[in-house]
Every structure is written in C-alpha cells, then in structure tokens.
Amino acid sequence: MAHEKYNELLQALHECMAACNHCYDACLQEEDMQMMANCIRLDRECADICGYLEQAIARNSAFVGQLAKVCAEICEACGQECQKHTHEHCQRCAQACLNCSEACKRVA
C-alpha cells in the first residue's frame, strides 16, 4: 500500500488533529473566550487540514506533497498561537502542531 511510506506522518497528523480538537473544546470553556478566539479558529483549521491530509494519503492522492506543504504552514501557525497561552491544553496542542508541521515538511 502506498500510504505505508507515510506512517510517521499519519501518526503525527492523527495526534495533531486530536490535540487541536481537545484544545478547541477546552478553549471554549475558558473565561476569556475572546482572548482565545484566534486559538480556537486555528485549532479548527489545523484539525480539518490534518484530517483531510490523512484521507488524501489513504486514497493515494497525487497531491499529498502540496497538501503537506499547506498543512505544515497551518500547523506551524496553530502551534505558534497555542504557545502564547499558558493553559496546559494549549501547550500540548502547540507541541503536537509543531511536531506535525515538521513531519509535513519532510514530505512536502
């Protein structure tokens, strides 16, 4: 199967998507949700692109490299935003996003 060569990336994508979804939900519970608005927005975008890239790999898309490049950019932006917040969920999300960004760059 063609997607077997992407095992490391698939793992990073899945971990990032899960961390972003958790962070998104946790940010919605924070007292100052307005302060978390950009984090929430990027969590959604990042989780969505990670999920989409996972699907593209599974169906052996010809666009995996291009999608990985875009995914790396979004993951990096989300990771940088999450790093700005001291909440534990944001810090875990930041690490997952930055790890995923690096994995995407290796494929892009």
PDB file of N, CA and C in Angstrom:
ATOM      1  N   MET A   1       0.840  -1.195   0.000  1.00  0.00           N
ATOM      2  CA  MET A   1       0.000   0.000   0.000  1.00  0.00           C
ATOM      3  C   MET A   1       0.879   1.251   0.000  1.00  0.00           C
ATOM      4  N   ALA A   2       0.520   2.193  -0.807  1.00  0.00           N
ATOM      5  CA  ALA A   2       1.322   3.410  -0.962  1.00  0.00           C
ATOM      6  C   ALA A   2       1.380   4.231   0.319  1.00  0.00           C
ATOM      7  N   HIS A   3       0.305   4.214   1.089  1.00  0.00           N
ATOM      8  CA  HIS A   3       0.288   5.058   2.284  1.00  0.00           C
ATOM      9  C   HIS A   3       1.193   4.550   3.406  1.00  0.00           C
ATOM     10  N   GLU A   4       1.711   3.316   3.295  1.00  0.00           N
ATOM     11  CA  GLU A   4       2.600   2.785   4.326  1.00  0.00           C
ATOM     12  C   GLU A   4       3.878   3.604   4.464  1.00  0.00           C
ATOM     13  N   LYS A   5       4.324   4.223   3.376  1.00  0.00           N
ATOM     14  CA  LYS A   5       5.536   5.044   3.460  1.00  0.00           C
ATOM     15  C   LYS A   5       5.297   6.332   4.239  1.00  0.00           C
ATOM     16  N   TYR A   6       4.043   6.624   4.543  1.00  0.00           N
ATOM     17  CA  TYR A   6       3.693   7.839   5.285  1.00  0.00           C
ATOM     18  C   TYR A   6       3.319   7.557   6.740  1.00  0.00           C
ATOM     19  N   ASN A   7       3.723   6.403   7.281  1.00  0.00           N
ATOM     20  CA  ASN A   7       3.310   6.035   8.636  1.00  0.00           C
ATOM     21  C   ASN A   7       3.633   7.106   9.678  1.00  0.00           C
ATOM     22  N   GLU A   8       4.844   7.655   9.625  1.00  0.00           N
ATOM     23  CA  GLU A   8       5.242   8.679  10.598  1.00  0.00           C
ATOM     24  C   GLU A   8       4.350   9.914  10.473  1.00  0.00           C
ATOM     25  N   LEU A   9       4.101  10.324   9.249  1.00  0.00           N
ATOM     26  CA  LEU A   9       3.252  11.489   9.019  1.00  0.00           C
ATOM     27  C   LEU A   9       1.822  11.204   9.468  1.00  0.00           C
ATOM     28  N   LEU A  10       1.308  10.036   9.154  1.00  0.00           N
ATOM     29  CA  LEU A  10      -0.057   9.690   9.564  1.00  0.00           C
ATOM     30  C   LEU A  10      -0.204   9.743  11.081  1.00  0.00           C
ATOM     31  N   GLN A  11       0.789   9.252  11.795  1.00  0.00           N
ATOM     32  CA  GLN A  11       0.765   9.296  13.266  1.00  0.00           C
ATOM     33  C   GLN A  11       0.758  10.744  13.753  1.00  0.00           C
ATOM     34  N   ALA A  12       1.627  11.579  13.179  1.00  0.00           N
ATOM     35  CA  ALA A  12       1.703  12.987  13.578  1.00  0.00           C
ATOM     36  C   ALA A  12       0.401  13.717  13.261  1.00  0.00           C
ATOM     37  N   LEU A  13      -0.182  13.437  12.102  1.00  0.00           N
ATOM     38  CA  LEU A  13      -1.448  14.068  11.717  1.00  0.00           C
ATOM     39  C   LEU A  13      -2.559  13.705  12.694  1.00  0.00           C
ATOM     40  N   HIS A  14      -2.622  12.433  13.044  1.00  0.00           N
ATOM     41  CA  HIS A  14      -3.675  11.982  13.951  1.00  0.00           C
ATOM     42  C   HIS A  14      -3.512  12.617  15.337  1.00  0.00           C
ATOM     43  N   GLU A  15      -2.285  12.640  15.837  1.00  0.00           N
ATOM     44  CA  GLU A  15      -2.022  13.233  17.154  1.00  0.00           C
ATOM     45  C   GLU A  15      -2.326  14.730  17.144  1.00  0.00           C
ATOM     46  N   CYS A  16      -1.980  15.396  16.071  1.00  0.00           N
ATOM     47  CA  CYS A  16      -2.236  16.826  15.956  1.00  0.00           C
ATOM     48  C   CYS A  16      -3.735  17.104  15.898  1.00  0.00           C
ATOM     49  N   MET A  17      -4.442  16.335  15.091  1.00  0.00           N
ATOM     50  CA  MET A  17      -5.885  16.520  14.970  1.00  0.00           C
ATOM     51  C   MET A  17      -6.561  16.329  16.328  1.00  0.00           C
ATOM     52  N   ALA A  18      -6.168  15.298  17.047  1.00  0.00           N
ATOM     53  CA  ALA A  18      -6.763  15.032  18.362  1.00  0.00           C
ATOM     54  C   ALA A  18      -6.437  16.164  19.340  1.00  0.00           C
ATOM     55  N   ALA A  19      -5.192  16.631  19.341  1.00  0.00           N
ATOM     56  CA  ALA A  19      -4.800  17.718  20.245  1.00  0.00           C
ATOM     57  C   ALA A  19      -5.542  19.010  19.914  1.00  0.00           C
ATOM     58  N   CYS A  20      -5.692  19.304  18.628  1.00  0.00           N
ATOM     59  CA  CYS A  20      -6.409  20.514  18.217  1.00  0.00           C
ATOM     60  C   CYS A  20      -7.886  20.445  18.592  1.00  0.00           C
ATOM     61  N   ASN A  21      -8.489  19.288  18.403  1.00  0.00           N
ATOM     62  CA  ASN A  21      -9.895  19.143  18.779  1.00  0.00           C
ATOM     63  C   ASN A  21     -10.079  19.297  20.284  1.00  0.00           C
ATOM     64  N   HIS A  22      -9.154  18.737  21.062  1.00  0.00           N
ATOM     65  CA  HIS A  22      -9.231  18.886  22.518  1.00  0.00           C
ATOM     66  C   HIS A  22      -9.020  20.348  22.918  1.00  0.00           C
ATOM     67  N   CYS A  23      -8.028  20.989  22.326  1.00  0.00           N
ATOM     68  CA  CYS A  23      -7.731  22.389  22.635  1.00  0.00           C
ATOM     69  C   CYS A  23      -8.913  23.281  22.263  1.00  0.00           C
ATOM     70  N   TYR A  24      -9.475  23.043  21.107  1.00  0.00           N
ATOM     71  CA  TYR A  24     -10.659  23.789  20.646  1.00  0.00           C
ATOM     72  C   TYR A  24     -11.765  23.722  21.689  1.00  0.00           C
ATOM     73  N   ASP A  25     -12.083  22.508  22.119  1.00  0.00           N
ATOM     74  CA  ASP A  25     -13.150  22.329  23.100  1.00  0.00           C
ATOM     75  C   ASP A  25     -12.800  22.991  24.431  1.00  0.00           C
ATOM     76  N   ALA A  26     -11.560  22.819  24.877  1.00  0.00           N
ATOM     77  CA  ALA A  26     -11.139  23.402  26.152  1.00  0.00           C
ATOM     78  C   ALA A  26     -11.120  24.933  26.088  1.00  0.00           C
ATOM     79  N   CYS A  27     -10.703  25.487  24.967  1.00  0.00           N
ATOM     80  CA  CYS A  27     -10.689  26.946  24.807  1.00  0.00           C
ATOM     81  C   CYS A  27     -12.099  27.532  24.902  1.00  0.00           C
ATOM     82  N   LEU A  28     -13.073  26.786  24.424  1.00  0.00           N
ATOM     83  CA  LEU A  28     -14.461  27.253  24.503  1.00  0.00           C
ATOM     84  C   LEU A  28     -14.947  27.332  25.942  1.00  0.00           C
ATOM     85  N   GLN A  29     -14.264  26.645  26.855  1.00  0.00           N
ATOM     86  CA  GLN A  29     -14.633  26.653  28.273  1.00  0.00           C
ATOM     87  C   GLN A  29     -13.891  27.734  29.065  1.00  0.00           C
ATOM     88  N   GLU A  30     -12.917  28.378  28.452  1.00  0.00           N
ATOM     89  CA  GLU A  30     -12.118  29.389  29.158  1.00  0.00           C
ATOM     90  C   GLU A  30     -12.963  30.634  29.453  1.00  0.00           C
ATOM     91  N   GLU A  31     -12.611  31.309  30.545  1.00  0.00           N
ATOM     92  CA  GLU A  31     -13.359  32.505  30.954  1.00  0.00           C
ATOM     93  C   GLU A  31     -13.301  33.602  29.902  1.00  0.00           C
ATOM     94  N   ASP A  32     -12.109  33.889  29.401  1.00  0.00           N
ATOM     95  CA  ASP A  32     -11.952  34.962  28.417  1.00  0.00           C
ATOM     96  C   ASP A  32     -11.871  34.348  27.021  1.00  0.00           C
ATOM     97  N   MET A  33     -13.032  33.938  26.512  1.00  0.00           N
ATOM     98  CA  MET A  33     -13.069  33.293  25.210  1.00  0.00           C
ATOM     99  C   MET A  33     -12.635  34.239  24.092  1.00  0.00           C
ATOM    100  N   GLN A  34     -12.861  35.517  24.257  1.00  0.00           N
ATOM    101  CA  GLN A  34     -12.444  36.475  23.229  1.00  0.00           C
ATOM    102  C   GLN A  34     -10.929  36.438  23.041  1.00  0.00           C
ATOM    103  N   MET A  35     -10.212  36.301  24.157  1.00  0.00           N
ATOM    104  CA  MET A  35      -8.757  36.221  24.092  1.00  0.00           C
ATOM    105  C   MET A  35      -8.320  34.944  23.364  1.00  0.00           C
ATOM    106  N   MET A  36      -9.167  33.916  23.383  1.00  0.00           N
ATOM    107  CA  MET A  36      -8.838  32.623  22.788  1.00  0.00           C
ATOM    108  C   MET A  36      -9.353  32.491  21.352  1.00  0.00           C
ATOM    109  N   ALA A  37      -9.966  33.534  20.814  1.00  0.00           N
ATOM    110  CA  ALA A  37     -10.637  33.443  19.504  1.00  0.00           C
ATOM    111  C   ALA A  37      -9.705  32.962  18.396  1.00  0.00           C
ATOM    112  N   ASN A  38      -8.512  33.511  18.300  1.00  0.00           N
ATOM    113  CA  ASN A  38      -7.593  33.104  17.233  1.00  0.00           C
ATOM    114  C   ASN A  38      -7.119  31.666  17.446  1.00  0.00           C
ATOM    115  N   CYS A  39      -6.920  31.291  18.689  1.00  0.00           N
ATOM    116  CA  CYS A  39      -6.522  29.918  19.008  1.00  0.00           C
ATOM    117  C   CYS A  39      -7.627  28.947  18.579  1.00  0.00           C
ATOM    118  N   ILE A  40      -8.849  29.283  18.901  1.00  0.00           N
ATOM    119  CA  ILE A  40      -9.990  28.442  18.535  1.00  0.00           C
ATOM    120  C   ILE A  40     -10.091  28.317  17.019  1.00  0.00           C
ATOM    121  N   ARG A  41      -9.977  29.421  16.334  1.00  0.00           N
ATOM    122  CA  ARG A  41     -10.072  29.436  14.869  1.00  0.00           C
ATOM    123  C   ARG A  41      -8.974  28.562  14.247  1.00  0.00           C
ATOM    124  N   LEU A  42      -7.742  28.724  14.717  1.00  0.00           N
ATOM    125  CA  LEU A  42      -6.630  27.941  14.167  1.00  0.00           C
ATOM    126  C   LEU A  42      -6.730  26.466  14.546  1.00  0.00           C
ATOM    127  N   ASP A  43      -7.236  26.183  15.749  1.00  0.00           N
ATOM    128  CA  ASP A  43      -7.454  24.775  16.127  1.00  0.00           C
ATOM    129  C   ASP A  43      -8.357  24.083  15.114  1.00  0.00           C
ATOM    130  N   ARG A  44      -9.429  24.756  14.719  1.00  0.00           N
ATOM    131  CA  ARG A  44     -10.374  24.176  13.756  1.00  0.00           C
ATOM    132  C   ARG A  44      -9.705  23.966  12.401  1.00  0.00           C
ATOM    133  N   GLU A  45      -9.026  25.000  11.914  1.00  0.00           N
ATOM    134  CA  GLU A  45      -8.368  24.887  10.612  1.00  0.00           C
ATOM    135  C   GLU A  45      -7.322  23.788  10.612  1.00  0.00           C
ATOM    136  N   CYS A  46      -6.561  23.716  11.681  1.00  0.00           N
ATOM    137  CA  CYS A  46      -5.490  22.731  11.766  1.00  0.00           C
ATOM    138  C   CYS A  46      -6.061  21.315  11.827  1.00  0.00           C
ATOM    139  N   ALA A  47      -7.055  21.096  12.676  1.00  0.00           N
ATOM    140  CA  ALA A  47      -7.669  19.768  12.773  1.00  0.00           C
ATOM    141  C   ALA A  47      -8.260  19.360  11.426  1.00  0.00           C
ATOM    142  N   ASP A  48      -8.895  20.298  10.751  1.00  0.00           N
ATOM    143  CA  ASP A  48      -9.519  19.985   9.460  1.00  0.00           C
ATOM    144  C   ASP A  48      -8.489  19.611   8.398  1.00  0.00           C
ATOM    145  N   ILE A  49      -7.398  20.371   8.286  1.00  0.00           N
ATOM    146  CA  ILE A  49      -6.405  20.067   7.250  1.00  0.00           C
ATOM    147  C   ILE A  49      -5.671  18.763   7.582  1.00  0.00           C
ATOM    148  N   CYS A  50      -5.442  18.504   8.855  1.00  0.00           N
ATOM    149  CA  CYS A  50      -4.798  17.239   9.235  1.00  0.00           C
ATOM    150  C   CYS A  50      -5.684  16.055   8.859  1.00  0.00           C
ATOM    151  N   GLY A  51      -6.964  16.173   9.134  1.00  0.00           N
ATOM    152  CA  GLY A  51      -7.904  15.111   8.769  1.00  0.00           C
ATOM    153  C   GLY A  51      -7.978  14.925   7.269  1.00  0.00           C
ATOM    154  N   TYR A  52      -7.978  16.030   6.551  1.00  0.00           N
ATOM    155  CA  TYR A  52      -8.049  15.953   5.088  1.00  0.00           C
ATOM    156  C   TYR A  52      -6.792  15.305   4.516  1.00  0.00           C
ATOM    157  N   LEU A  53      -5.634  15.680   5.043  1.00  0.00           N
ATOM    158  CA  LEU A  53      -4.388  15.092   4.544  1.00  0.00           C
ATOM    159  C   LEU A  53      -4.333  13.602   4.866  1.00  0.00           C
ATOM    160  N   GLU A  54      -4.813  13.200   6.024  1.00  0.00           N
ATOM    161  CA  GLU A  54      -4.891  11.767   6.353  1.00  0.00           C
ATOM    162  C   GLU A  54      -5.709  11.028   5.290  1.00  0.00           C
ATOM    163  N   GLN A  55      -6.836  11.595   4.932  1.00  0.00           N
ATOM    164  CA  GLN A  55      -7.701  10.980   3.924  1.00  0.00           C
ATOM    165  C   GLN A  55      -7.013  10.945   2.564  1.00  0.00           C
ATOM    166  N   ALA A  56      -6.334  12.021   2.216  1.00  0.00           N
ATOM    167  CA  ALA A  56      -5.650  12.087   0.922  1.00  0.00           C
ATOM    168  C   ALA A  56      -4.565  11.012   0.832  1.00  0.00           C
ATOM    169  N   ILE A  57      -3.852  10.805   1.923  1.00  0.00           N
ATOM    170  CA  ILE A  57      -2.818   9.767   1.945  1.00  0.00           C
ATOM    171  C   ILE A  57      -3.467   8.392   1.789  1.00  0.00           C
ATOM    172  N   ALA A  58      -4.553   8.175   2.496  1.00  0.00           N
ATOM    173  CA  ALA A  58      -5.227   6.871   2.456  1.00  0.00           C
ATOM    174  C   ALA A  58      -5.730   6.528   1.060  1.00  0.00           C
ATOM    175  N   ARG A  59      -6.117   7.543   0.291  1.00  0.00           N
ATOM    176  CA  ARG A  59      -6.624   7.265  -1.052  1.00  0.00           C
ATOM    177  C   ARG A  59      -5.553   7.461  -2.121  1.00  0.00           C
ATOM    178  N   ASN A  60      -4.293   7.606  -1.685  1.00  0.00           N
ATOM    179  CA  ASN A  60      -3.148   7.717  -2.586  1.00  0.00           C
ATOM    180  C   ASN A  60      -3.280   8.903  -3.543  1.00  0.00           C
ATOM    181  N   SER A  61      -3.670  10.028  -3.004  1.00  0.00           N
ATOM    182  CA  SER A  61      -3.834  11.241  -3.797  1.00  0.00           C
ATOM    183  C   SER A  61      -2.509  11.660  -4.434  1.00  0.00           C
ATOM    184  N   ALA A  62      -2.591  12.201  -5.613  1.00  0.00           N
ATOM    185  CA  ALA A  62      -1.412  12.732  -6.297  1.00  0.00           C
ATOM    186  C   ALA A  62      -0.970  14.068  -5.701  1.00  0.00           C
ATOM    187  N   PHE A  63      -1.760  14.611  -4.791  1.00  0.00           N
ATOM    188  CA  PHE A  63      -1.490  15.944  -4.248  1.00  0.00           C
ATOM    189  C   PHE A  63      -0.967  15.924  -2.813  1.00  0.00           C
ATOM    190  N   VAL A  64      -0.499  14.787  -2.341  1.00  0.00           N
ATOM    191  CA  VAL A  64      -0.030  14.671  -0.959  1.00  0.00           C
ATOM    192  C   VAL A  64       1.065  15.695  -0.662  1.00  0.00           C
ATOM    193  N   GLY A  65       2.022  15.852  -1.548  1.00  0.00           N
ATOM    194  CA  GLY A  65       3.115  16.801  -1.317  1.00  0.00           C
ATOM    195  C   GLY A  65       2.632  18.230  -1.171  1.00  0.00           C
ATOM    196  N   GLN A  66       1.745  18.638  -2.050  1.00  0.00           N
ATOM    197  CA  GLN A  66       1.209  20.005  -1.990  1.00  0.00           C
ATOM    198  C   GLN A  66       0.356  20.208  -0.737  1.00  0.00           C
ATOM    199  N   LEU A  67      -0.463  19.219  -0.422  1.00  0.00           N
ATOM    200  CA  LEU A  67      -1.293  19.315   0.778  1.00  0.00           C
ATOM    201  C   LEU A  67      -0.433  19.337   2.036  1.00  0.00           C
ATOM    202  N   ALA A  68       0.651  18.566   2.028  1.00  0.00           N
ATOM    203  CA  ALA A  68       1.556  18.541   3.178  1.00  0.00           C
ATOM    204  C   ALA A  68       2.201  19.904   3.389  1.00  0.00           C
ATOM    205  N   LYS A  69       2.506  20.596   2.306  1.00  0.00           N
ATOM    206  CA  LYS A  69       3.089  21.948   2.415  1.00  0.00           C
ATOM    207  C   LYS A  69       2.106  22.905   3.088  1.00  0.00           C
ATOM    208  N   VAL A  70       0.866  22.884   2.653  1.00  0.00           N
ATOM    209  CA  VAL A  70      -0.161  23.745   3.248  1.00  0.00           C
ATOM    210  C   VAL A  70      -0.404  23.339   4.697  1.00  0.00           C
ATOM    211  N   CYS A  71      -0.464  22.048   4.947  1.00  0.00           N
ATOM    212  CA  CYS A  71      -0.690  21.545   6.297  1.00  0.00           C
ATOM    213  C   CYS A  71       0.437  22.003   7.228  1.00  0.00           C
ATOM    214  N   ALA A  72       1.667  21.956   6.753  1.00  0.00           N
ATOM    215  CA  ALA A  72       2.808  22.401   7.563  1.00  0.00           C
ATOM    216  C   ALA A  72       2.648  23.863   7.966  1.00  0.00           C
ATOM    217  N   GLU A  73       2.211  24.691   7.048  1.00  0.00           N
ATOM    218  CA  GLU A  73       2.026  26.119   7.332  1.00  0.00           C
ATOM    219  C   GLU A  73       0.934  26.344   8.373  1.00  0.00           C
ATOM    220  N   ILE A  74      -0.179  25.644   8.214  1.00  0.00           N
ATOM    221  CA  ILE A  74      -1.292  25.807   9.153  1.00  0.00           C
ATOM    222  C   ILE A  74      -0.914  25.261  10.525  1.00  0.00           C
ATOM    223  N   CYS A  75      -0.273  24.095  10.562  1.00  0.00           N
ATOM    224  CA  CYS A  75       0.153  23.524  11.842  1.00  0.00           C
ATOM    225  C   CYS A  75       1.128  24.452  12.570  1.00  0.00           C
ATOM    226  N   GLU A  76       2.040  25.036  11.810  1.00  0.00           N
ATOM    227  CA  GLU A  76       3.004  25.944  12.426  1.00  0.00           C
ATOM    228  C   GLU A  76       2.310  27.181  12.991  1.00  0.00           C
ATOM    229  N   ALA A  77       1.371  27.733  12.249  1.00  0.00           N
ATOM    230  CA  ALA A  77       0.629  28.903  12.732  1.00  0.00           C
ATOM    231  C   ALA A  77      -0.165  28.558  13.987  1.00  0.00           C
ATOM    232  N   CYS A  78      -0.801  27.402  13.998  1.00  0.00           N
ATOM    233  CA  CYS A  78      -1.575  26.983  15.160  1.00  0.00           C
ATOM    234  C   CYS A  78      -0.651  26.755  16.357  1.00  0.00           C
ATOM    235  N   GLY A  79       0.463  26.089  16.121  1.00  0.00           N
ATOM    236  CA  GLY A  79       1.418  25.846  17.196  1.00  0.00           C
ATOM    237  C   GLY A  79       1.952  27.131  17.797  1.00  0.00           C
ATOM    238  N   GLN A  80       2.260  28.092  16.953  1.00  0.00           N
ATOM    239  CA  GLN A  80       2.765  29.380  17.446  1.00  0.00           C
ATOM    240  C   GLN A  80       1.700  30.125  18.246  1.00  0.00           C
ATOM    241  N   GLU A  81       0.460  30.057  17.807  1.00  0.00           N
ATOM    242  CA  GLU A  81      -0.627  30.700  18.547  1.00  0.00           C
ATOM    243  C   GLU A  81      -0.836  30.020  19.895  1.00  0.00           C
ATOM    244  N   CYS A  82      -0.861  28.702  19.889  1.00  0.00           N
ATOM    245  CA  CYS A  82      -1.080  27.974  21.144  1.00  0.00           C
ATOM    246  C   CYS A  82       0.051  28.215  22.147  1.00  0.00           C
ATOM    247  N   GLN A  83       1.265  28.406  21.661  1.00  0.00           N
ATOM    248  CA  GLN A  83       2.398  28.677  22.552  1.00  0.00           C
ATOM    249  C   GLN A  83       2.211  29.968  23.342  1.00  0.00           C
ATOM    250  N   LYS A  84       1.403  30.883  22.845  1.00  0.00           N
ATOM    251  CA  LYS A  84       1.170  32.163  23.513  1.00  0.00           C
ATOM    252  C   LYS A  84       0.335  32.020  24.782  1.00  0.00           C
ATOM    253  N   HIS A  85      -0.356  30.894  24.931  1.00  0.00           N
ATOM    254  CA  HIS A  85      -1.277  30.705  26.048  1.00  0.00           C
ATOM    255  C   HIS A  85      -0.698  29.702  27.043  1.00  0.00           C
ATOM    256  N   THR A  86      -0.889  29.968  28.318  1.00  0.00           N
ATOM    257  CA  THR A  86      -0.281  29.132  29.354  1.00  0.00           C
ATOM    258  C   THR A  86      -1.110  27.903  29.709  1.00  0.00           C
ATOM    259  N   HIS A  87      -2.303  27.796  29.190  1.00  0.00           N
ATOM    260  CA  HIS A  87      -3.139  26.637  29.509  1.00  0.00           C
ATOM    261  C   HIS A  87      -2.441  25.354  29.076  1.00  0.00           C
ATOM    262  N   GLU A  88      -2.583  24.321  29.892  1.00  0.00           N
ATOM    263  CA  GLU A  88      -1.931  23.048  29.586  1.00  0.00           C
ATOM    264  C   GLU A  88      -2.387  22.494  28.235  1.00  0.00           C
ATOM    265  N   HIS A  89      -3.688  22.617  27.940  1.00  0.00           N
ATOM    266  CA  HIS A  89      -4.187  22.094  26.665  1.00  0.00           C
ATOM    267  C   HIS A  89      -3.573  22.832  25.492  1.00  0.00           C
ATOM    268  N   CYS A  90      -3.329  24.120  25.627  1.00  0.00           N
ATOM    269  CA  CYS A  90      -2.692  24.890  24.552  1.00  0.00           C
ATOM    270  C   CYS A  90      -1.231  24.475  24.373  1.00  0.00           C
ATOM    271  N   GLN A  91      -0.535  24.250  25.479  1.00  0.00           N
ATOM    272  CA  GLN A  91       0.866  23.858  25.389  1.00  0.00           C
ATOM    273  C   GLN A  91       1.015  22.476  24.751  1.00  0.00           C
ATOM    274  N   ARG A  92       0.132  21.534  25.108  1.00  0.00           N
ATOM    275  CA  ARG A  92       0.167  20.199  24.484  1.00  0.00           C
ATOM    276  C   ARG A  92      -0.167  20.300  22.999  1.00  0.00           C
ATOM    277  N   CYS A  93      -1.133  21.146  22.681  1.00  0.00           N
ATOM    278  CA  CYS A  93      -1.523  21.336  21.287  1.00  0.00           C
ATOM    279  C   CYS A  93      -0.368  21.950  20.493  1.00  0.00           C
ATOM    280  N   ALA A  94       0.282  22.930  21.073  1.00  0.00           N
ATOM    281  CA  ALA A  94       1.409  23.573  20.395  1.00  0.00           C
ATOM    282  C   ALA A  94       2.475  22.553  20.023  1.00  0.00           C
ATOM    283  N   GLN A  95       2.802  21.675  20.956  1.00  0.00           N
ATOM    284  CA  GLN A  95       3.833  20.669  20.695  1.00  0.00           C
ATOM    285  C   GLN A  95       3.396  19.717  19.582  1.00  0.00           C
ATOM    286  N   ALA A  96       2.146  19.264  19.633  1.00  0.00           N
ATOM    287  CA  ALA A  96       1.640  18.356  18.595  1.00  0.00           C
ATOM    288  C   ALA A  96       1.638  19.041  17.231  1.00  0.00           C
ATOM    289  N   CYS A  97       1.244  20.305  17.201  1.00  0.00           N
ATOM    290  CA  CYS A  97       1.204  21.054  15.937  1.00  0.00           C
ATOM    291  C   CYS A  97       2.596  21.244  15.353  1.00  0.00           C
ATOM    292  N   LEU A  98       3.542  21.619  16.187  1.00  0.00           N
ATOM    293  CA  LEU A  98       4.898  21.849  15.685  1.00  0.00           C
ATOM    294  C   LEU A  98       5.547  20.544  15.243  1.00  0.00           C
ATOM    295  N   ASN A  99       5.276  19.452  15.952  1.00  0.00           N
ATOM    296  CA  ASN A  99       5.768  18.139  15.518  1.00  0.00           C
ATOM    297  C   ASN A  99       5.173  17.769  14.166  1.00  0.00           C
ATOM    298  N   CYS A 100       3.886  18.007  14.004  1.00  0.00           N
ATOM    299  CA  CYS A 100       3.199  17.681  12.759  1.00  0.00           C
ATOM    300  C   CYS A 100       3.726  18.546  11.618  1.00  0.00           C
ATOM    301  N   SER A 101       3.964  19.804  11.902  1.00  0.00           N
ATOM    302  CA  SER A 101       4.498  20.703  10.882  1.00  0.00           C
ATOM    303  C   SER A 101       5.820  20.169  10.342  1.00  0.00           C
ATOM    304  N   GLU A 102       6.680  19.706  11.240  1.00  0.00           N
ATOM    305  CA  GLU A 102       7.976  19.159  10.825  1.00  0.00           C
ATOM    306  C   GLU A 102       7.803  17.887   9.998  1.00  0.00           C
ATOM    307  N   ALA A 103       6.882  17.023  10.411  1.00  0.00           N
ATOM    308  CA  ALA A 103       6.619  15.793   9.650  1.00  0.00           C
ATOM    309  C   ALA A 103       6.082  16.121   8.252  1.00  0.00           C
ATOM    310  N   CYS A 104       5.223  17.130   8.178  1.00  0.00           N
ATOM    311  CA  CYS A 104       4.692  17.553   6.876  1.00  0.00           C
ATOM    312  C   CYS A 104       5.786  18.111   5.983  1.00  0.00           C
ATOM    313  N   LYS A 105       6.686  18.879   6.552  1.00  0.00           N
ATOM    314  CA  LYS A 105       7.777  19.475   5.775  1.00  0.00           C
ATOM    315  C   LYS A 105       8.679  18.399   5.173  1.00  0.00           C
ATOM    316  N   ARG A 106       8.856  17.298   5.882  1.00  0.00           N
ATOM    317  CA  ARG A 106       9.701  16.216   5.365  1.00  0.00           C
ATOM    318  C   ARG A 106       9.064  15.550   4.154  1.00  0.00           C
ATOM    319  N   VAL A 107       7.746  15.623   4.021  1.00  0.00           N
ATOM    320  CA  VAL A 107       7.042  15.009   2.898  1.00  0.00           C
ATOM    321  C   VAL A 107       6.811  16.003   1.763  1.00  0.00           C
ATOM    322  N   ALA A 108       6.649  17.271   2.117  1.00  0.00           N
ATOM    323  CA  ALA A 108       6.311  18.306   1.126  1.00  0.00           C
ATOM    324  C   ALA A 108       7.411  18.472   0.088  1.00  0.00           C
TER     325      ALA A 108
END
